[in-house]
Amino acid sequence: MSTFLSYLHHESEANLLKLLGWLTPAEETRWQEIKATFRENLRNSGAGQLLQMLDKLESIAGGLSGIREALNCDS
């Protein structure tokens, strides 16, 4: 596993340099696919599900604040 992580780190560094503006259109398309897959995997992971839940709770709290404000204005 250590060899894989070392390879991943090296490849990530190389990819970062490529992203500074040297991507061909085909490479840009592939990069977009990689990012979409990463986001999908994150959404399906435990951390991603936690973030989704927190986002929904924040939306609920915002809705409740709106209701509270509306009720206070009517008083």
Protein backbone atom coordinates (compact mmCIF):
# COMPACT_ATOMS: atom_id res chain seq x y z
CA MET A 1 0.00 0.00 0.00
CA SER A 2 2.84 2.39 0.76
CA THR A 3 4.13 2.07 -2.80
CA PHE A 4 0.68 2.86 -4.13
CA LEU A 5 0.41 5.98 -1.94
CA SER A 6 3.85 7.11 -3.03
CA TYR A 7 2.84 6.62 -6.67
CA LEU A 8 -0.44 8.43 -6.05
CA HIS A 9 1.37 11.36 -4.45
CA HIS A 10 3.81 11.59 -7.36
CA GLU A 11 1.03 11.36 -9.92
CA SER A 12 -1.04 13.95 -8.04
CA GLU A 13 1.87 16.35 -8.09
CA ALA A 14 2.38 15.79 -11.81
CA ASN A 15 -1.33 16.30 -12.43
CA LEU A 16 -1.30 19.54 -10.48
CA LEU A 17 1.37 20.88 -12.79
CA LYS A 18 -0.70 19.80 -15.79
CA LEU A 19 -3.72 21.61 -14.41
CA LEU A 20 -1.90 24.92 -14.46
CA GLY A 21 -3.12 25.32 -18.02
CA TRP A 22 -1.42 22.62 -20.01
CA LEU A 23 -4.34 20.23 -20.51
CA THR A 24 -5.41 19.22 -23.97
CA PRO A 25 -9.17 19.13 -24.65
CA ALA A 26 -9.16 15.33 -24.25
CA GLU A 27 -7.30 15.62 -20.95
CA GLU A 28 -9.73 18.30 -19.77
CA THR A 29 -12.67 16.01 -20.57
CA ARG A 30 -11.03 13.16 -18.65
CA TRP A 31 -10.32 15.48 -15.71
CA GLN A 32 -14.00 16.47 -15.58
CA GLU A 33 -14.96 12.76 -15.55
CA ILE A 34 -12.53 12.09 -12.70
CA LYS A 35 -13.95 14.98 -10.65
CA ALA A 36 -17.52 13.82 -11.25
CA THR A 37 -16.64 10.29 -10.13
CA PHE A 38 -14.88 11.66 -7.04
CA ARG A 39 -17.93 13.75 -6.10
CA GLU A 40 -20.23 10.76 -6.61
CA ASN A 41 -18.01 8.57 -4.43
CA LEU A 42 -17.92 11.28 -1.76
CA ARG A 43 -21.71 11.58 -1.80
CA ASN A 44 -22.00 7.82 -1.30
CA SER A 45 -19.43 7.67 1.50
CA GLY A 46 -20.23 8.08 5.16
CA ALA A 47 -18.63 11.54 5.20
CA GLY A 48 -20.61 12.57 2.14
CA GLN A 49 -23.84 11.39 3.71
CA LEU A 50 -23.03 13.34 6.87
CA LEU A 51 -22.43 16.47 4.80
CA GLN A 52 -25.75 15.97 3.02
CA MET A 53 -27.54 15.57 6.34
CA LEU A 54 -25.92 18.71 7.75
CA ASP A 55 -26.88 20.62 4.61
CA LYS A 56 -30.50 19.49 4.99
CA LEU A 57 -30.53 20.44 8.66
CA GLU A 58 -29.20 23.87 7.76
CA SER A 59 -32.02 24.26 5.22
CA ILE A 60 -34.58 23.24 7.85
CA ALA A 61 -33.11 25.73 10.33
CA GLY A 62 -33.31 28.47 7.70
CA GLY A 63 -36.94 27.61 7.01
CA LEU A 64 -37.77 27.67 10.71
CA SER A 65 -36.09 31.07 11.05
CA GLY A 66 -38.27 32.36 8.23
CA ILE A 67 -41.39 31.05 9.94
CA ARG A 68 -40.31 32.61 13.26
CA GLU A 69 -39.76 35.97 11.57
CA ALA A 70 -43.14 35.80 9.84
CA LEU A 71 -44.89 35.00 13.13
CA ASN A 72 -43.08 37.83 14.92
CA CYS A 73 -44.08 40.34 12.23
CA ASP A 74 -47.75 39.41 12.65
CA SER A 75 -47.66 39.94 16.42
